[in-house]
Amino acid sequence: MRLLLKLFGSLLMWGIVACLLILITLLPRDIESHRVGYDDIMEYHFSWEAYENNIKDYLKDVKIHKSLGITAYEMPVETEMLHYGWRSAKVIIPALIISLIAGIFKGIYDYNHQSGFSRIFGKNATWLGQSVPEFISIMFIQTVLFEAGKYGFPDVDIYGDEHWYNIFLPILFVSMYPAAIIARYTSEAIENEDGRDYILTARSKGIGDRIVLWRHTLRNCWPNLLQQSIPVMMILLSGMFIVEFMSQYRGIGLRLVSALHIKSSFMAGAPMPIDTSAVIGFSLLFTLILLITQWLTQIVSHFVNPVKRRAR
C-alpha cells in the first residue's frame, strides 16, 4: 500500500509539473517596439486576454486533431516524439548502462586506492571528471579526432548522424560526466558502510576483503545508490542537449532546441515565435522519462532495501 501511495504521489506531481509546463509555454510572446531618438526600445506587456486566447486555441487544436498539436512541419507532435525519441533512446540507454557499470567499478577503485600514487587515478581523476564542463571535454575530443585525421589516421565524421558510427561519440560524451558522479556516490556509500558491525563480523570470520565488499558492503549500498537515480537521469537528459547540439546528432534535445527557435541575435520588432506543439510535446516527454525513472527507482528500492525487508 505504501508503494502504491508513492507511485500515485509521483504521478500527481508529474501531472502538476506537466500543467505548469504547458501554461508557461502558452504565455504570450508578443513584444512591442518603438524608437526613441536613435534607440530601439522593446517592451513586453502581459495580457490576460491574449493568454486566455492562447490556451483556448491550443485546447481547440488538441480537440480537433486528437493530438498534443501539429508541429511547424505539419506533423502530429507524437510522430516526431517517436522519431526523435527513438534516436535519443539509442544514445541514452547505452550511455546509462555504460555510466552505471563504469561508475560503480570506478567508485570501487577509488575506495581501494585512497593513498599513494594510485590516488591520482582514483579520487583525483574522479574529481577531475566532475570538474571539467561537458562542452570542454567534447571540444577536446572533437579537436583531437579532427587533428588526428591530418596525420594519416582514419578521417572520422564527428558531426551529424548519417554514418553508422556517428552514434558512438554521443554515447561516450553523454556517459562521461554521469560515470564520474556515480563513481563518487559509490565510493562514498562504501565508506559509509565501512566499519559497520556486519562488516567487522564478516572480517573477523576470516572472509576476504573482496568477498566482503561484493557480498555484503555493496548489497547494503544499493538503496543509497538508487536514491541518486533521479539526479543521474537528470544529468543524462541535460547532457543530451549539449551533446546533440555540439555533435549535431538529431535527437529530442536538438529538436527541442530548434523548436524554441533560439537565436544568437535578434532585431527590434522581429517576432520571436516558438513551435508551441513541439515544445510542449518534447518537454512532456522529458518529464515522462523522469517519472518512469522515479517509478522504477521506487519499485526496486521497495524490494531491495534491507531495512524494509527486515520490517516485513
Protein backbone atom coordinates (compact mmCIF):
# COMPACT_ATOMS: atom_id res chain seq x y z
CA MET A 1 0.00 0.00 0.00
CA ARG A 2 2.83 2.37 0.86
CA LEU A 3 4.44 1.70 -2.52
CA LEU A 4 1.18 2.46 -4.36
CA LEU A 5 0.86 5.75 -2.48
CA LYS A 6 4.40 6.70 -3.50
CA LEU A 7 3.70 5.83 -7.14
CA PHE A 8 0.46 7.82 -7.10
CA GLY A 9 2.22 10.76 -5.44
CA SER A 10 4.86 10.77 -8.17
CA LEU A 11 2.13 10.65 -10.84
CA LEU A 12 0.28 13.53 -9.18
CA MET A 13 3.46 15.60 -9.03
CA TRP A 14 4.14 14.83 -12.70
CA GLY A 15 0.63 15.99 -13.60
CA ILE A 16 1.17 19.29 -11.77
CA VAL A 17 4.55 19.84 -13.45
CA ALA A 18 3.07 18.96 -16.86
CA CYS A 19 0.27 21.50 -16.43
CA LEU A 20 2.75 24.18 -15.35
CA LEU A 21 4.97 23.46 -18.38
CA ILE A 22 2.00 23.79 -20.73
CA LEU A 23 0.85 27.03 -19.10
CA ILE A 24 4.36 28.51 -19.24
CA THR A 25 4.77 27.55 -22.90
CA LEU A 26 1.45 29.22 -23.79
CA LEU A 27 2.42 32.56 -22.25
CA PRO A 28 2.01 35.43 -24.76
CA ARG A 29 5.24 36.26 -26.57
CA ASP A 30 4.18 39.47 -28.31
CA ILE A 31 6.73 42.26 -27.89
CA GLU A 32 6.07 45.89 -28.71
CA SER A 33 8.88 48.03 -30.08
CA HIS A 34 9.25 51.73 -30.77
CA ARG A 35 12.06 54.15 -31.45
CA VAL A 36 13.15 56.89 -29.11
CA GLY A 37 15.72 59.04 -30.86
CA TYR A 38 18.32 56.64 -32.20
CA ASP A 39 17.41 53.82 -29.83
CA ASP A 40 15.01 50.94 -30.49
CA ILE A 41 13.03 50.21 -27.35
CA MET A 42 11.44 46.78 -26.86
CA GLU A 43 8.75 46.28 -24.24
CA TYR A 44 6.77 43.28 -23.08
CA HIS A 45 3.27 43.77 -21.71
CA PHE A 46 1.46 40.74 -20.35
CA SER A 47 -2.17 40.44 -21.41
CA TRP A 48 -4.59 38.08 -19.71
CA GLU A 49 -6.83 38.24 -22.76
CA ALA A 50 -4.02 37.12 -25.08
CA TYR A 51 -3.05 34.41 -22.59
CA GLU A 52 -6.62 33.13 -22.44
CA ASN A 53 -6.83 33.10 -26.24
CA ASN A 54 -3.58 31.08 -26.46
CA ILE A 55 -4.94 28.48 -24.04
CA LYS A 56 -8.30 28.26 -25.83
CA ASP A 57 -6.65 27.99 -29.26
CA TYR A 58 -4.33 25.24 -28.07
CA LEU A 59 -7.11 23.22 -26.43
CA LYS A 60 -9.21 23.64 -29.57
CA ASP A 61 -6.30 22.39 -31.68
CA VAL A 62 -5.86 19.39 -29.38
CA LYS A 63 -9.57 18.56 -29.62
CA ILE A 64 -9.69 18.86 -33.42
CA HIS A 65 -6.56 16.84 -34.19
CA LYS A 66 -6.85 14.41 -31.24
CA SER A 67 -3.18 15.16 -30.60
CA LEU A 68 -0.91 17.32 -28.46
CA GLY A 69 -0.73 19.53 -31.52
CA ILE A 70 0.63 19.93 -35.02
CA THR A 71 4.28 20.97 -35.33
CA ALA A 72 5.78 23.52 -37.69
CA TYR A 73 6.45 20.64 -40.11
CA GLU A 74 2.68 19.92 -40.33
CA MET A 75 3.08 16.64 -38.47
CA PRO A 76 1.43 15.41 -35.25
CA VAL A 77 3.82 16.04 -32.40
CA GLU A 78 3.52 12.37 -31.34
CA THR A 79 5.01 11.31 -34.68
CA GLU A 80 8.06 13.49 -34.12
CA MET A 81 8.32 12.37 -30.50
CA LEU A 82 8.52 8.74 -31.61
CA HIS A 83 11.01 9.53 -34.38
CA TYR A 84 13.41 11.67 -32.37
CA GLY A 85 12.75 9.80 -29.14
CA TRP A 86 13.97 6.56 -30.71
CA ARG A 87 17.12 8.32 -31.92
CA SER A 88 17.87 9.64 -28.45
CA ALA A 89 16.98 6.32 -26.80
CA LYS A 90 19.75 4.68 -28.83
CA VAL A 91 22.13 7.09 -27.08
CA ILE A 92 20.64 7.40 -23.59
CA ILE A 93 20.13 3.69 -22.86
CA PRO A 94 23.71 2.58 -23.74
CA ALA A 95 25.09 5.71 -22.05
CA LEU A 96 23.14 4.91 -18.87
CA ILE A 97 24.39 1.31 -18.84
CA ILE A 98 27.99 2.38 -19.51
CA SER A 99 27.90 5.13 -16.87
CA LEU A 100 26.44 2.74 -14.27
CA ILE A 101 28.98 -0.03 -14.88
CA ALA A 102 31.97 2.28 -15.30
CA GLY A 103 30.89 4.48 -12.38
CA ILE A 104 30.43 1.61 -9.93
CA PHE A 105 33.76 -0.03 -10.82
CA LYS A 106 35.49 3.36 -10.70
CA GLY A 107 33.95 4.02 -7.28
CA ILE A 108 35.25 0.67 -6.02
CA TYR A 109 38.69 1.52 -7.39
CA ASP A 110 38.58 4.92 -5.67
CA TYR A 111 37.70 3.25 -2.37
CA ASN A 112 40.52 0.72 -2.65
CA HIS A 113 43.16 3.27 -3.73
CA GLN A 114 42.90 6.24 -1.39
CA SER A 115 46.60 6.74 -0.79
CA GLY A 116 49.86 6.71 -2.67
CA PHE A 117 50.46 7.27 -6.35
CA SER A 118 47.37 5.30 -7.38
CA ARG A 119 45.18 8.01 -5.81
CA ILE A 120 45.93 10.13 -8.89
CA PHE A 121 43.92 7.67 -10.96
CA GLY A 122 41.39 7.26 -8.14
CA LYS A 123 39.51 10.08 -6.46
CA ASN A 124 41.66 12.74 -8.11
CA ALA A 125 40.68 11.52 -11.57
CA THR A 126 37.03 11.29 -10.49
CA TRP A 127 37.17 14.84 -9.16
CA LEU A 128 38.64 15.99 -12.49
CA GLY A 129 35.86 14.23 -14.39
CA GLN A 130 33.27 16.09 -12.34
CA SER A 131 35.01 19.45 -12.53
CA VAL A 132 35.61 19.74 -16.27
CA PRO A 133 32.46 21.01 -18.05
CA GLU A 134 30.99 18.64 -20.60
CA PHE A 135 31.39 21.02 -23.52
CA ILE A 136 35.13 21.35 -22.78
CA SER A 137 35.57 17.57 -22.86
CA ILE A 138 33.53 17.33 -26.06
CA MET A 139 35.52 20.09 -27.77
CA PHE A 140 38.80 18.47 -26.69
CA ILE A 141 37.88 15.03 -28.06
CA GLN A 142 36.49 16.52 -31.27
CA THR A 143 39.67 18.56 -31.76
CA VAL A 144 41.90 15.52 -31.17
CA LEU A 145 39.95 13.45 -33.70
CA PHE A 146 39.97 16.29 -36.22
CA GLU A 147 43.72 16.86 -35.89
CA ALA A 148 44.43 13.11 -35.98
CA GLY A 149 42.86 12.97 -39.43
CA LYS A 150 45.57 15.31 -40.69
CA TYR A 151 48.33 12.86 -39.73
CA GLY A 152 47.14 9.77 -41.52
CA PHE A 153 44.64 8.47 -39.00
CA PRO A 154 41.19 7.47 -40.29
CA ASP A 155 39.07 10.51 -41.10
CA VAL A 156 36.06 10.30 -38.79
CA ASP A 157 32.92 12.34 -39.36
CA ILE A 158 32.28 13.71 -35.87
CA TYR A 159 29.08 15.58 -36.71
CA GLY A 160 25.59 14.51 -37.74
CA ASP A 161 24.03 11.06 -37.78
CA GLU A 162 24.42 9.98 -41.41
CA HIS A 163 27.02 7.27 -40.74
CA TRP A 164 26.57 4.14 -38.64
CA TYR A 165 29.41 5.13 -36.32
CA ASN A 166 28.06 8.63 -35.58
CA ILE A 167 26.20 7.26 -32.57
CA PHE A 168 29.30 6.15 -30.66
CA LEU A 169 30.70 9.59 -29.85
CA PRO A 170 27.38 10.91 -28.44
CA ILE A 171 27.15 7.78 -26.27
CA LEU A 172 30.67 8.44 -24.99
CA PHE A 173 30.02 12.13 -24.41
CA VAL A 174 26.73 11.57 -22.57
CA SER A 175 28.13 8.84 -20.29
CA MET A 176 31.34 10.60 -19.16
CA TYR A 177 30.02 13.03 -16.55
CA PRO A 178 27.36 10.69 -15.04
CA ALA A 179 30.03 7.98 -14.69
CA ALA A 180 32.14 10.36 -12.58
CA ILE A 181 29.11 11.25 -10.44
CA ILE A 182 28.20 7.59 -9.90
CA ALA A 183 31.83 6.82 -9.02
CA ARG A 184 31.74 9.46 -6.26
CA TYR A 185 28.37 8.20 -4.97
CA THR A 186 29.67 4.62 -4.94
CA SER A 187 32.90 5.35 -3.08
CA GLU A 188 31.05 7.49 -0.52
CA ALA A 189 28.41 4.78 0.00
CA ILE A 190 31.11 2.13 0.57
CA GLU A 191 32.94 4.39 3.02
CA ASN A 192 29.71 4.94 4.96
CA GLU A 193 29.24 1.18 5.30
CA ASP A 194 32.87 0.56 6.25
CA GLY A 195 33.27 -0.06 9.97
CA ARG A 196 29.69 -1.26 10.50
CA ASP A 197 29.20 -4.25 12.79
CA TYR A 198 28.28 -6.67 10.00
CA ILE A 199 31.48 -5.73 8.13
CA LEU A 200 33.64 -6.25 11.21
CA THR A 201 31.89 -9.55 11.95
CA ALA A 202 32.47 -10.83 8.41
CA ARG A 203 36.14 -9.88 8.54
CA SER A 204 36.57 -11.49 11.97
CA LYS A 205 35.39 -14.77 10.43
CA GLY A 206 38.32 -14.64 8.03
CA ILE A 207 36.30 -13.66 4.97
CA GLY A 208 38.45 -11.84 2.41
CA ASP A 209 38.02 -8.13 1.78
CA ARG A 210 36.93 -8.68 -1.82
CA ILE A 211 34.14 -11.08 -0.80
CA VAL A 212 33.06 -8.74 2.00
CA LEU A 213 32.91 -5.88 -0.47
CA TRP A 214 30.89 -7.65 -3.15
CA ARG A 215 28.63 -9.82 -0.98
CA HIS A 216 27.97 -7.54 1.96
CA THR A 217 29.01 -3.91 1.53
CA LEU A 218 27.70 -3.31 -1.99
CA ARG A 219 24.46 -5.13 -1.22
CA ASN A 220 23.73 -2.60 1.51
CA CYS A 221 24.86 0.29 -0.68
CA TRP A 222 22.17 -0.27 -3.33
CA PRO A 223 19.39 1.66 -1.52
CA ASN A 224 21.64 4.73 -1.20
CA LEU A 225 22.74 4.43 -4.83
CA LEU A 226 19.16 4.04 -6.04
CA GLN A 227 18.24 7.31 -4.36
CA GLN A 228 20.63 9.04 -6.76
CA SER A 229 18.97 7.65 -9.89
CA ILE A 230 16.80 10.74 -10.46
CA PRO A 231 19.76 13.20 -10.29
CA VAL A 232 21.78 10.91 -12.57
CA MET A 233 18.94 10.70 -15.10
CA MET A 234 18.54 14.49 -15.00
CA ILE A 235 22.27 14.81 -15.67
CA LEU A 236 21.94 12.42 -18.62
CA LEU A 237 19.00 14.32 -20.09
CA SER A 238 20.60 17.73 -19.60
CA GLY A 239 23.78 16.37 -21.15
CA MET A 240 21.76 15.28 -24.18
CA PHE A 241 21.04 18.93 -25.04
CA ILE A 242 24.73 19.83 -25.05
CA VAL A 243 25.88 16.65 -26.80
CA GLU A 244 23.25 16.72 -29.53
CA PHE A 245 23.81 20.41 -30.16
CA MET A 246 27.60 20.15 -30.35
CA SER A 247 27.60 16.93 -32.39
CA GLN A 248 24.52 17.86 -34.44
CA TYR A 249 23.00 14.48 -33.62
CA ARG A 250 19.30 14.85 -34.40
CA GLY A 251 17.52 13.64 -31.29
CA ILE A 252 14.97 15.06 -28.87
CA GLY A 253 17.48 17.52 -27.41
CA LEU A 254 18.39 19.12 -30.74
CA ARG A 255 14.74 19.05 -31.87
CA LEU A 256 13.63 20.86 -28.72
CA VAL A 257 16.34 23.48 -29.19
CA SER A 258 15.18 24.05 -32.77
CA ALA A 259 11.54 24.23 -31.60
CA LEU A 260 12.47 27.02 -29.19
CA HIS A 261 13.98 28.95 -32.12
CA ILE A 262 16.94 30.06 -30.04
CA LYS A 263 18.81 32.86 -31.81
CA SER A 264 22.21 34.38 -31.20
CA SER A 265 20.82 37.82 -32.07
CA PHE A 266 17.50 39.49 -32.83
CA MET A 267 16.21 42.78 -34.19
CA ALA A 268 13.76 45.17 -32.62
CA GLY A 269 10.25 44.44 -33.83
CA ALA A 270 11.16 40.98 -35.12
CA PRO A 271 8.76 38.24 -33.95
CA MET A 272 10.04 35.58 -31.57
CA PRO A 273 7.77 32.62 -32.21
CA ILE A 274 8.26 29.09 -30.96
CA ASP A 275 6.98 25.76 -32.24
CA THR A 276 4.46 25.54 -29.41
CA SER A 277 3.24 21.99 -30.02
CA ALA A 278 6.79 20.63 -30.32
CA VAL A 279 7.96 22.46 -27.19
CA ILE A 280 5.03 21.10 -25.17
CA GLY A 281 5.37 17.58 -26.57
CA PHE A 282 9.11 17.18 -26.06
CA SER A 283 9.03 18.89 -22.65
CA LEU A 284 6.38 16.41 -21.53
CA LEU A 285 8.48 13.59 -22.96
CA PHE A 286 11.44 14.65 -20.81
CA THR A 287 9.29 14.80 -17.68
CA LEU A 288 7.72 11.43 -18.56
CA ILE A 289 11.18 9.85 -18.71
CA LEU A 290 11.89 11.25 -15.24
CA LEU A 291 8.55 9.91 -13.97
CA ILE A 292 9.28 6.41 -15.29
CA THR A 293 12.76 6.57 -13.75
CA GLN A 294 11.28 7.59 -10.40
CA TRP A 295 8.71 4.80 -10.55
CA LEU A 296 11.35 2.19 -11.31
CA THR A 297 13.52 3.56 -8.50
CA GLN A 298 10.66 3.42 -6.01
CA ILE A 299 9.69 -0.12 -7.03
CA VAL A 300 13.24 -1.50 -6.94
CA SER A 301 14.09 0.36 -3.73
CA HIS A 302 10.97 -1.04 -2.08
CA PHE A 303 12.16 -4.61 -2.64
CA VAL A 304 15.93 -4.29 -2.20
CA ASN A 305 16.02 -2.02 0.85
CA PRO A 306 17.23 -4.29 3.65
CA VAL A 307 15.52 -2.20 6.34
CA LYS A 308 12.12 -2.64 4.73
CA ARG A 309 12.81 -6.29 4.07
CA ARG A 310 13.53 -6.90 7.77
CA ALA A 311 10.42 -4.94 8.71
CA ARG A 312 8.29 -7.32 6.66
